[in-house]
Amino acid sequence: MKTNNAKPLKNLVSALALACAFAPAMAAMQTVTLAVPGMTCVTCPITVKKAISKVDGVSKTEVNFDKREAVVTFDDSKASVQKLTKATTDAGYPSTIKR
């Protein structure tokens, strides 16, 4: 008896292709600016940057001591503003979104 395994494989490949097509639409890169007023010395940005960089989904972090802010680019399917502000707060530098 001969079995045809091509159809289930074709269905699997089609399903994977469909899933991949929609994956980029579900996740988006976001950039936010966080106000971090508690940075009081020039070494504070190092701690803030390390804390933010540990959040899963963060791809870029720029911390500016003079402006007391952090500009963060992240994948919104993995990270959120709440996770970012929690990371800075847990490191001793409470932050809020700058509008």
PDB file of N, CA and C in Angstrom:
ATOM      1  N   MET A   1       0.840  -1.176   0.000  1.00  0.00           N
ATOM      2  CA  MET A   1       0.000   0.000   0.000  1.00  0.00           C
ATOM      3  C   MET A   1       0.885   1.239   0.000  1.00  0.00           C
ATOM      4  N   LYS A   2       0.564   2.175  -0.853  1.00  0.00           N
ATOM      5  CA  LYS A   2       1.356   3.385  -1.007  1.00  0.00           C
ATOM      6  C   LYS A   2       0.664   4.534  -0.255  1.00  0.00           C
ATOM      7  N   THR A   3       1.437   5.297   0.559  1.00  0.00           N
ATOM      8  CA  THR A   3       0.871   6.455   1.256  1.00  0.00           C
ATOM      9  C   THR A   3       1.446   7.718   0.657  1.00  0.00           C
ATOM     10  N   ASN A   4       0.676   8.774   0.704  1.00  0.00           N
ATOM     11  CA  ASN A   4       1.099  10.048   0.146  1.00  0.00           C
ATOM     12  C   ASN A   4       1.332  11.024   1.298  1.00  0.00           C
ATOM     13  N   ASN A   5       2.593  11.274   1.624  1.00  0.00           N
ATOM     14  CA  ASN A   5       2.950  12.197   2.706  1.00  0.00           C
ATOM     15  C   ASN A   5       3.116  13.627   2.212  1.00  0.00           C
ATOM     16  N   ALA A   6       2.961  13.867   0.932  1.00  0.00           N
ATOM     17  CA  ALA A   6       3.177  15.196   0.375  1.00  0.00           C
ATOM     18  C   ALA A   6       2.109  16.185   0.829  1.00  0.00           C
ATOM     19  N   LYS A   7       0.858  15.778   0.930  1.00  0.00           N
ATOM     20  CA  LYS A   7      -0.221  16.695   1.288  1.00  0.00           C
ATOM     21  C   LYS A   7      -0.066  17.241   2.713  1.00  0.00           C
ATOM     22  N   PRO A   8       0.183  16.391   3.740  1.00  0.00           N
ATOM     23  CA  PRO A   8       0.380  16.953   5.081  1.00  0.00           C
ATOM     24  C   PRO A   8       1.584  17.896   5.150  1.00  0.00           C
ATOM     25  N   LEU A   9       2.653  17.557   4.434  1.00  0.00           N
ATOM     26  CA  LEU A   9       3.831  18.413   4.417  1.00  0.00           C
ATOM     27  C   LEU A   9       3.513  19.743   3.749  1.00  0.00           C
ATOM     28  N   LYS A  10       2.767  19.696   2.672  1.00  0.00           N
ATOM     29  CA  LYS A  10       2.386  20.922   1.970  1.00  0.00           C
ATOM     30  C   LYS A  10       1.521  21.795   2.878  1.00  0.00           C
ATOM     31  N   ASN A  11       0.604  21.181   3.633  1.00  0.00           N
ATOM     32  CA  ASN A  11      -0.246  21.935   4.544  1.00  0.00           C
ATOM     33  C   ASN A  11       0.591  22.588   5.654  1.00  0.00           C
ATOM     34  N   LEU A  12       1.574  21.866   6.159  1.00  0.00           N
ATOM     35  CA  LEU A  12       2.441  22.395   7.201  1.00  0.00           C
ATOM     36  C   LEU A  12       3.243  23.581   6.680  1.00  0.00           C
ATOM     37  N   VAL A  13       3.810  23.445   5.495  1.00  0.00           N
ATOM     38  CA  VAL A  13       4.590  24.528   4.891  1.00  0.00           C
ATOM     39  C   VAL A  13       3.699  25.743   4.666  1.00  0.00           C
ATOM     40  N   SER A  14       2.483  25.538   4.205  1.00  0.00           N
ATOM     41  CA  SER A  14       1.548  26.648   3.983  1.00  0.00           C
ATOM     42  C   SER A  14       1.215  27.345   5.294  1.00  0.00           C
ATOM     43  N   ALA A  15       0.991  26.580   6.350  1.00  0.00           N
ATOM     44  CA  ALA A  15       0.660  27.153   7.650  1.00  0.00           C
ATOM     45  C   ALA A  15       1.831  27.971   8.201  1.00  0.00           C
ATOM     46  N   LEU A  16       3.040  27.459   8.050  1.00  0.00           N
ATOM     47  CA  LEU A  16       4.218  28.194   8.520  1.00  0.00           C
ATOM     48  C   LEU A  16       4.423  29.480   7.733  1.00  0.00           C
ATOM     49  N   ALA A  17       4.214  29.424   6.442  1.00  0.00           N
ATOM     50  CA  ALA A  17       4.356  30.617   5.610  1.00  0.00           C
ATOM     51  C   ALA A  17       3.332  31.673   6.006  1.00  0.00           C
ATOM     52  N   LEU A  18       2.122  31.248   6.276  1.00  0.00           N
ATOM     53  CA  LEU A  18       1.067  32.164   6.699  1.00  0.00           C
ATOM     54  C   LEU A  18       1.411  32.800   8.044  1.00  0.00           C
ATOM     55  N   ALA A  19       1.903  32.003   8.978  1.00  0.00           N
ATOM     56  CA  ALA A  19       2.273  32.513  10.298  1.00  0.00           C
ATOM     57  C   ALA A  19       3.407  33.538  10.184  1.00  0.00           C
ATOM     58  N   CYS A  20       4.380  33.259   9.328  1.00  0.00           N
ATOM     59  CA  CYS A  20       5.497  34.183   9.135  1.00  0.00           C
ATOM     60  C   CYS A  20       5.048  35.483   8.478  1.00  0.00           C
ATOM     61  N   ALA A  21       4.070  35.398   7.625  1.00  0.00           N
ATOM     62  CA  ALA A  21       3.573  36.590   6.940  1.00  0.00           C
ATOM     63  C   ALA A  21       2.908  37.553   7.916  1.00  0.00           C
ATOM     64  N   PHE A  22       2.254  37.023   8.941  1.00  0.00           N
ATOM     65  CA  PHE A  22       1.552  37.876   9.894  1.00  0.00           C
ATOM     66  C   PHE A  22       2.408  38.278  11.087  1.00  0.00           C
ATOM     67  N   ALA A  23       3.495  37.607  11.351  1.00  0.00           N
ATOM     68  CA  ALA A  23       4.334  37.911  12.512  1.00  0.00           C
ATOM     69  C   ALA A  23       4.849  39.351  12.515  1.00  0.00           C
ATOM     70  N   PRO A  24       5.378  39.880  11.403  1.00  0.00           N
ATOM     71  CA  PRO A  24       5.850  41.260  11.431  1.00  0.00           C
ATOM     72  C   PRO A  24       4.724  42.266  11.683  1.00  0.00           C
ATOM     73  N   ALA A  25       3.518  41.947  11.282  1.00  0.00           N
ATOM     74  CA  ALA A  25       2.408  42.866  11.480  1.00  0.00           C
ATOM     75  C   ALA A  25       1.996  42.947  12.938  1.00  0.00           C
ATOM     76  N   MET A  26       2.272  41.905  13.714  1.00  0.00           N
ATOM     77  CA  MET A  26       1.878  41.879  15.112  1.00  0.00           C
ATOM     78  C   MET A  26       2.871  42.622  16.005  1.00  0.00           C
ATOM     79  N   ALA A  27       4.127  42.643  15.650  1.00  0.00           N
ATOM     80  CA  ALA A  27       5.148  43.298  16.452  1.00  0.00           C
ATOM     81  C   ALA A  27       5.624  44.553  15.732  1.00  0.00           C
ATOM     82  N   ALA A  28       5.898  45.576  16.508  1.00  0.00           N
ATOM     83  CA  ALA A  28       6.390  46.811  15.916  1.00  0.00           C
ATOM     84  C   ALA A  28       7.470  47.401  16.805  1.00  0.00           C
ATOM     85  N   MET A  29       8.431  48.031  16.183  1.00  0.00           N
ATOM     86  CA  MET A  29       9.459  48.726  16.935  1.00  0.00           C
ATOM     87  C   MET A  29       8.896  50.070  17.373  1.00  0.00           C
ATOM     88  N   GLN A  30       9.121  50.399  18.623  1.00  0.00           N
ATOM     89  CA  GLN A  30       8.657  51.659  19.188  1.00  0.00           C
ATOM     90  C   GLN A  30       9.859  52.396  19.761  1.00  0.00           C
ATOM     91  N   THR A  31       9.783  53.695  19.763  1.00  0.00           N
ATOM     92  CA  THR A  31      10.799  54.510  20.419  1.00  0.00           C
ATOM     93  C   THR A  31      10.096  55.447  21.383  1.00  0.00           C
ATOM     94  N   VAL A  32      10.565  55.442  22.626  1.00  0.00           N
ATOM     95  CA  VAL A  32      10.007  56.331  23.641  1.00  0.00           C
ATOM     96  C   VAL A  32      11.134  57.095  24.313  1.00  0.00           C
ATOM     97  N   THR A  33      10.775  58.243  24.853  1.00  0.00           N
ATOM     98  CA  THR A  33      11.711  59.017  25.643  1.00  0.00           C
ATOM     99  C   THR A  33      11.224  58.989  27.082  1.00  0.00           C
ATOM    100  N   LEU A  34      12.111  58.576  27.972  1.00  0.00           N
ATOM    101  CA  LEU A  34      11.790  58.525  29.387  1.00  0.00           C
ATOM    102  C   LEU A  34      12.497  59.664  30.110  1.00  0.00           C
ATOM    103  N   ALA A  35      11.765  60.357  30.968  1.00  0.00           N
ATOM    104  CA  ALA A  35      12.364  61.357  31.840  1.00  0.00           C
ATOM    105  C   ALA A  35      12.916  60.627  33.048  1.00  0.00           C
ATOM    106  N   VAL A  36      14.193  60.863  33.341  1.00  0.00           N
ATOM    107  CA  VAL A  36      14.854  60.210  34.481  1.00  0.00           C
ATOM    108  C   VAL A  36      15.490  61.322  35.332  1.00  0.00           C
ATOM    109  N   PRO A  37      14.677  62.024  36.118  1.00  0.00           N
ATOM    110  CA  PRO A  37      15.179  63.184  36.845  1.00  0.00           C
ATOM    111  C   PRO A  37      16.155  62.857  37.969  1.00  0.00           C
ATOM    112  N   GLY A  38      16.199  61.617  38.438  1.00  0.00           N
ATOM    113  CA  GLY A  38      17.059  61.244  39.552  1.00  0.00           C
ATOM    114  C   GLY A  38      18.520  61.060  39.213  1.00  0.00           C
ATOM    115  N   MET A  39      18.887  61.223  37.951  1.00  0.00           N
ATOM    116  CA  MET A  39      20.304  61.092  37.593  1.00  0.00           C
ATOM    117  C   MET A  39      21.021  62.360  38.058  1.00  0.00           C
ATOM    118  N   THR A  40      21.909  62.201  39.050  1.00  0.00           N
ATOM    119  CA  THR A  40      22.552  63.367  39.643  1.00  0.00           C
ATOM    120  C   THR A  40      24.049  63.452  39.380  1.00  0.00           C
ATOM    121  N   CYS A  41      24.620  62.417  38.760  1.00  0.00           N
ATOM    122  CA  CYS A  41      26.053  62.468  38.449  1.00  0.00           C
ATOM    123  C   CYS A  41      26.288  61.854  37.072  1.00  0.00           C
ATOM    124  N   VAL A  42      27.458  62.090  36.539  1.00  0.00           N
ATOM    125  CA  VAL A  42      27.745  61.648  35.171  1.00  0.00           C
ATOM    126  C   VAL A  42      27.846  60.137  35.025  1.00  0.00           C
ATOM    127  N   THR A  43      27.946  59.401  36.137  1.00  0.00           N
ATOM    128  CA  THR A  43      27.992  57.938  36.034  1.00  0.00           C
ATOM    129  C   THR A  43      26.595  57.306  36.123  1.00  0.00           C
ATOM    130  N   CYS A  44      25.605  58.064  36.543  1.00  0.00           N
ATOM    131  CA  CYS A  44      24.231  57.532  36.637  1.00  0.00           C
ATOM    132  C   CYS A  44      23.723  56.957  35.305  1.00  0.00           C
ATOM    133  N   PRO A  45      23.977  57.610  34.172  1.00  0.00           N
ATOM    134  CA  PRO A  45      23.484  57.063  32.904  1.00  0.00           C
ATOM    135  C   PRO A  45      23.972  55.648  32.608  1.00  0.00           C
ATOM    136  N   ILE A  46      25.130  55.293  33.114  1.00  0.00           N
ATOM    137  CA  ILE A  46      25.648  53.935  32.893  1.00  0.00           C
ATOM    138  C   ILE A  46      24.716  52.918  33.544  1.00  0.00           C
ATOM    139  N   THR A  47      24.323  53.182  34.774  1.00  0.00           N
ATOM    140  CA  THR A  47      23.419  52.284  35.500  1.00  0.00           C
ATOM    141  C   THR A  47      22.054  52.228  34.828  1.00  0.00           C
ATOM    142  N   VAL A  48      21.538  53.381  34.422  1.00  0.00           N
ATOM    143  CA  VAL A  48      20.228  53.441  33.768  1.00  0.00           C
ATOM    144  C   VAL A  48      20.258  52.667  32.454  1.00  0.00           C
ATOM    145  N   LYS A  49      21.301  52.866  31.675  1.00  0.00           N
ATOM    146  CA  LYS A  49      21.411  52.172  30.380  1.00  0.00           C
ATOM    147  C   LYS A  49      21.496  50.663  30.579  1.00  0.00           C
ATOM    148  N   LYS A  50      22.287  50.206  31.548  1.00  0.00           N
ATOM    149  CA  LYS A  50      22.396  48.770  31.810  1.00  0.00           C
ATOM    150  C   LYS A  50      21.051  48.186  32.219  1.00  0.00           C
ATOM    151  N   ALA A  51      20.323  48.901  33.070  1.00  0.00           N
ATOM    152  CA  ALA A  51      19.020  48.411  33.533  1.00  0.00           C
ATOM    153  C   ALA A  51      18.033  48.284  32.383  1.00  0.00           C
ATOM    154  N   ILE A  52      17.977  49.296  31.549  1.00  0.00           N
ATOM    155  CA  ILE A  52      17.038  49.276  30.414  1.00  0.00           C
ATOM    156  C   ILE A  52      17.446  48.213  29.402  1.00  0.00           C
ATOM    157  N   SER A  53      18.735  48.086  29.154  1.00  0.00           N
ATOM    158  CA  SER A  53      19.227  47.125  28.162  1.00  0.00           C
ATOM    159  C   SER A  53      18.926  45.681  28.531  1.00  0.00           C
ATOM    160  N   LYS A  54      18.710  45.404  29.815  1.00  0.00           N
ATOM    161  CA  LYS A  54      18.394  44.049  30.256  1.00  0.00           C
ATOM    162  C   LYS A  54      16.940  43.660  29.977  1.00  0.00           C
ATOM    163  N   VAL A  55      16.097  44.626  29.639  1.00  0.00           N
ATOM    164  CA  VAL A  55      14.693  44.326  29.343  1.00  0.00           C
ATOM    165  C   VAL A  55      14.629  43.625  27.986  1.00  0.00           C
ATOM    166  N   ASP A  56      14.000  42.463  27.969  1.00  0.00           N
ATOM    167  CA  ASP A  56      13.863  41.697  26.731  1.00  0.00           C
ATOM    168  C   ASP A  56      13.109  42.517  25.687  1.00  0.00           C
ATOM    169  N   GLY A  57      13.661  42.618  24.486  1.00  0.00           N
ATOM    170  CA  GLY A  57      13.027  43.342  23.399  1.00  0.00           C
ATOM    171  C   GLY A  57      13.635  44.706  23.133  1.00  0.00           C
ATOM    172  N   VAL A  58      14.482  45.198  24.037  1.00  0.00           N
ATOM    173  CA  VAL A  58      15.132  46.495  23.842  1.00  0.00           C
ATOM    174  C   VAL A  58      16.268  46.334  22.838  1.00  0.00           C
ATOM    175  N   SER A  59      16.261  47.175  21.813  1.00  0.00           N
ATOM    176  CA  SER A  59      17.302  47.075  20.795  1.00  0.00           C
ATOM    177  C   SER A  59      18.287  48.243  20.838  1.00  0.00           C
ATOM    178  N   LYS A  60      17.865  49.370  21.423  1.00  0.00           N
ATOM    179  CA  LYS A  60      18.752  50.531  21.447  1.00  0.00           C
ATOM    180  C   LYS A  60      18.387  51.408  22.645  1.00  0.00           C
ATOM    181  N   THR A  61      19.416  51.913  23.325  1.00  0.00           N
ATOM    182  CA  THR A  61      19.206  52.803  24.465  1.00  0.00           C
ATOM    183  C   THR A  61      20.239  53.911  24.428  1.00  0.00           C
ATOM    184  N   GLU A  62      19.767  55.134  24.477  1.00  0.00           N
ATOM    185  CA  GLU A  62      20.650  56.298  24.557  1.00  0.00           C
ATOM    186  C   GLU A  62      20.240  57.092  25.786  1.00  0.00           C
ATOM    187  N   VAL A  63      21.158  57.280  26.716  1.00  0.00           N
ATOM    188  CA  VAL A  63      20.860  58.008  27.947  1.00  0.00           C
ATOM    189  C   VAL A  63      21.665  59.301  27.944  1.00  0.00           C
ATOM    190  N   ASN A  64      20.955  60.404  28.200  1.00  0.00           N
ATOM    191  CA  ASN A  64      21.585  61.720  28.182  1.00  0.00           C
ATOM    192  C   ASN A  64      21.517  62.328  29.575  1.00  0.00           C
ATOM    193  N   PHE A  65      22.680  62.505  30.199  1.00  0.00           N
ATOM    194  CA  PHE A  65      22.735  63.061  31.551  1.00  0.00           C
ATOM    195  C   PHE A  65      22.241  64.503  31.590  1.00  0.00           C
ATOM    196  N   ASP A  66      22.683  65.332  30.638  1.00  0.00           N
ATOM    197  CA  ASP A  66      22.310  66.751  30.643  1.00  0.00           C
ATOM    198  C   ASP A  66      20.799  66.960  30.535  1.00  0.00           C
ATOM    199  N   LYS A  67      20.147  66.138  29.739  1.00  0.00           N
ATOM    200  CA  LYS A  67      18.694  66.257  29.560  1.00  0.00           C
ATOM    201  C   LYS A  67      17.917  65.428  30.582  1.00  0.00           C
ATOM    202  N   ARG A  68      18.626  64.571  31.331  1.00  0.00           N
ATOM    203  CA  ARG A  68      17.993  63.668  32.307  1.00  0.00           C
ATOM    204  C   ARG A  68      16.917  62.819  31.625  1.00  0.00           C
ATOM    205  N   GLU A  69      17.326  62.185  30.511  1.00  0.00           N
ATOM    206  CA  GLU A  69      16.374  61.369  29.766  1.00  0.00           C
ATOM    207  C   GLU A  69      17.052  60.171  29.124  1.00  0.00           C
ATOM    208  N   ALA A  70      16.206  59.199  28.763  1.00  0.00           N
ATOM    209  CA  ALA A  70      16.657  58.002  28.053  1.00  0.00           C
ATOM    210  C   ALA A  70      15.743  57.799  26.851  1.00  0.00           C
ATOM    211  N   VAL A  71      16.339  57.625  25.691  1.00  0.00           N
ATOM    212  CA  VAL A  71      15.583  57.333  24.478  1.00  0.00           C
ATOM    213  C   VAL A  71      15.779  55.843  24.202  1.00  0.00           C
ATOM    214  N   VAL A  72      14.651  55.115  24.172  1.00  0.00           N
ATOM    215  CA  VAL A  72      14.706  53.658  24.092  1.00  0.00           C
ATOM    216  C   VAL A  72      13.914  53.160  22.889  1.00  0.00           C
ATOM    217  N   THR A  73      14.522  52.280  22.103  1.00  0.00           N
ATOM    218  CA  THR A  73      13.845  51.624  20.988  1.00  0.00           C
ATOM    219  C   THR A  73      13.666  50.163  21.382  1.00  0.00           C
ATOM    220  N   PHE A  74      12.422  49.681  21.233  1.00  0.00           N
ATOM    221  CA  PHE A  74      12.118  48.321  21.679  1.00  0.00           C
ATOM    222  C   PHE A  74      11.033  47.688  20.826  1.00  0.00           C
ATOM    223  N   ASP A  75      10.975  46.363  20.870  1.00  0.00           N
ATOM    224  CA  ASP A  75       9.965  45.564  20.188  1.00  0.00           C
ATOM    225  C   ASP A  75       8.754  45.507  21.116  1.00  0.00           C
ATOM    226  N   ASP A  76       7.634  46.085  20.680  1.00  0.00           N
ATOM    227  CA  ASP A  76       6.478  46.178  21.573  1.00  0.00           C
ATOM    228  C   ASP A  76       5.761  44.847  21.806  1.00  0.00           C
ATOM    229  N   SER A  77       6.207  43.785  21.135  1.00  0.00           N
ATOM    230  CA  SER A  77       5.635  42.472  21.435  1.00  0.00           C
ATOM    231  C   SER A  77       6.371  41.814  22.603  1.00  0.00           C
ATOM    232  N   LYS A  78       7.529  42.370  22.972  1.00  0.00           N
ATOM    233  CA  LYS A  78       8.333  41.803  24.057  1.00  0.00           C
ATOM    234  C   LYS A  78       8.466  42.756  25.245  1.00  0.00           C
ATOM    235  N   ALA A  79       8.497  44.033  24.984  1.00  0.00           N
ATOM    236  CA  ALA A  79       8.712  45.025  26.034  1.00  0.00           C
ATOM    237  C   ALA A  79       7.568  46.035  26.026  1.00  0.00           C
ATOM    238  N   SER A  80       7.505  46.810  27.083  1.00  0.00           N
ATOM    239  CA  SER A  80       6.490  47.860  27.198  1.00  0.00           C
ATOM    240  C   SER A  80       7.075  49.019  27.983  1.00  0.00           C
ATOM    241  N   VAL A  81       6.409  50.153  27.932  1.00  0.00           N
ATOM    242  CA  VAL A  81       6.855  51.303  28.702  1.00  0.00           C
ATOM    243  C   VAL A  81       6.863  50.955  30.188  1.00  0.00           C
ATOM    244  N   GLN A  82       5.872  50.187  30.623  1.00  0.00           N
ATOM    245  CA  GLN A  82       5.802  49.793  32.030  1.00  0.00           C
ATOM    246  C   GLN A  82       7.037  48.975  32.436  1.00  0.00           C
ATOM    247  N   LYS A  83       7.479  48.064  31.571  1.00  0.00           N
ATOM    248  CA  LYS A  83       8.673  47.264  31.875  1.00  0.00           C
ATOM    249  C   LYS A  83       9.922  48.139  31.899  1.00  0.00           C
ATOM    250  N   LEU A  84       9.977  49.126  31.022  1.00  0.00           N
ATOM    251  CA  LEU A  84      11.131  50.018  30.974  1.00  0.00           C
ATOM    252  C   LEU A  84      11.207  50.878  32.234  1.00  0.00           C
ATOM    253  N   THR A  85      10.068  51.464  32.621  1.00  0.00           N
ATOM    254  CA  THR A  85      10.069  52.313  33.813  1.00  0.00           C
ATOM    255  C   THR A  85      10.306  51.484  35.078  1.00  0.00           C
ATOM    256  N   LYS A  86       9.834  50.255  35.091  1.00  0.00           N
ATOM    257  CA  LYS A  86      10.096  49.370  36.230  1.00  0.00           C
ATOM    258  C   LYS A  86      11.593  49.072  36.328  1.00  0.00           C
ATOM    259  N   ALA A  87      12.237  48.857  35.191  1.00  0.00           N
ATOM    260  CA  ALA A  87      13.673  48.569  35.180  1.00  0.00           C
ATOM    261  C   ALA A  87      14.473  49.732  35.748  1.00  0.00           C
ATOM    262  N   THR A  88      14.130  50.958  35.350  1.00  0.00           N
ATOM    263  CA  THR A  88      14.881  52.106  35.879  1.00  0.00           C
ATOM    264  C   THR A  88      14.580  52.311  37.362  1.00  0.00           C
ATOM    265  N   THR A  89      13.325  52.128  37.739  1.00  0.00           N
ATOM    266  CA  THR A  89      12.940  52.277  39.147  1.00  0.00           C
ATOM    267  C   THR A  89      13.649  51.242  40.015  1.00  0.00           C
ATOM    268  N   ASP A  90      13.678  49.997  39.549  1.00  0.00           N
ATOM    269  CA  ASP A  90      14.351  48.931  40.295  1.00  0.00           C
ATOM    270  C   ASP A  90      15.852  49.206  40.439  1.00  0.00           C
ATOM    271  N   ALA A  91      16.423  49.954  39.491  1.00  0.00           N
ATOM    272  CA  ALA A  91      17.845  50.306  39.553  1.00  0.00           C
ATOM    273  C   ALA A  91      18.081  51.557  40.405  1.00  0.00           C
ATOM    274  N   GLY A  92      16.993  52.143  40.934  1.00  0.00           N
ATOM    275  CA  GLY A  92      17.123  53.322  41.788  1.00  0.00           C
ATOM    276  C   GLY A  92      16.878  54.637  41.092  1.00  0.00           C
ATOM    277  N   TYR A  93      16.382  54.585  39.854  1.00  0.00           N
ATOM    278  CA  TYR A  93      16.152  55.799  39.076  1.00  0.00           C
ATOM    279  C   TYR A  93      14.737  55.794  38.487  1.00  0.00           C
ATOM    280  N   PRO A  94      13.750  56.181  39.282  1.00  0.00           N
ATOM    281  CA  PRO A  94      12.383  56.202  38.762  1.00  0.00           C
ATOM    282  C   PRO A  94      12.287  57.064  37.494  1.00  0.00           C
ATOM    283  N   SER A  95      11.472  56.595  36.547  1.00  0.00           N
ATOM    284  CA  SER A  95      11.320  57.331  35.295  1.00  0.00           C
ATOM    285  C   SER A  95       9.853  57.362  34.891  1.00  0.00           C
ATOM    286  N   THR A  96       9.543  58.297  34.034  1.00  0.00           N
ATOM    287  CA  THR A  96       8.196  58.414  33.459  1.00  0.00           C
ATOM    288  C   THR A  96       8.360  58.696  31.975  1.00  0.00           C
ATOM    289  N   ILE A  97       7.291  58.400  31.230  1.00  0.00           N
ATOM    290  CA  ILE A  97       7.334  58.686  29.801  1.00  0.00           C
ATOM    291  C   ILE A  97       7.298  60.198  29.602  1.00  0.00           C
ATOM    292  N   LYS A  98       8.143  60.678  28.736  1.00  0.00           N
ATOM    293  CA  LYS A  98       8.221  62.102  28.440  1.00  0.00           C
ATOM    294  C   LYS A  98       7.379  62.380  27.209  1.00  0.00           C
ATOM    295  N   ARG A  99       6.464  63.269  27.329  1.00  0.00           N
ATOM    296  CA  ARG A  99       5.543  63.549  26.220  1.00  0.00           C
ATOM    297  C   ARG A  99       5.874  64.835  25.523  1.00  0.00           C
TER     298      ARG A  99
END
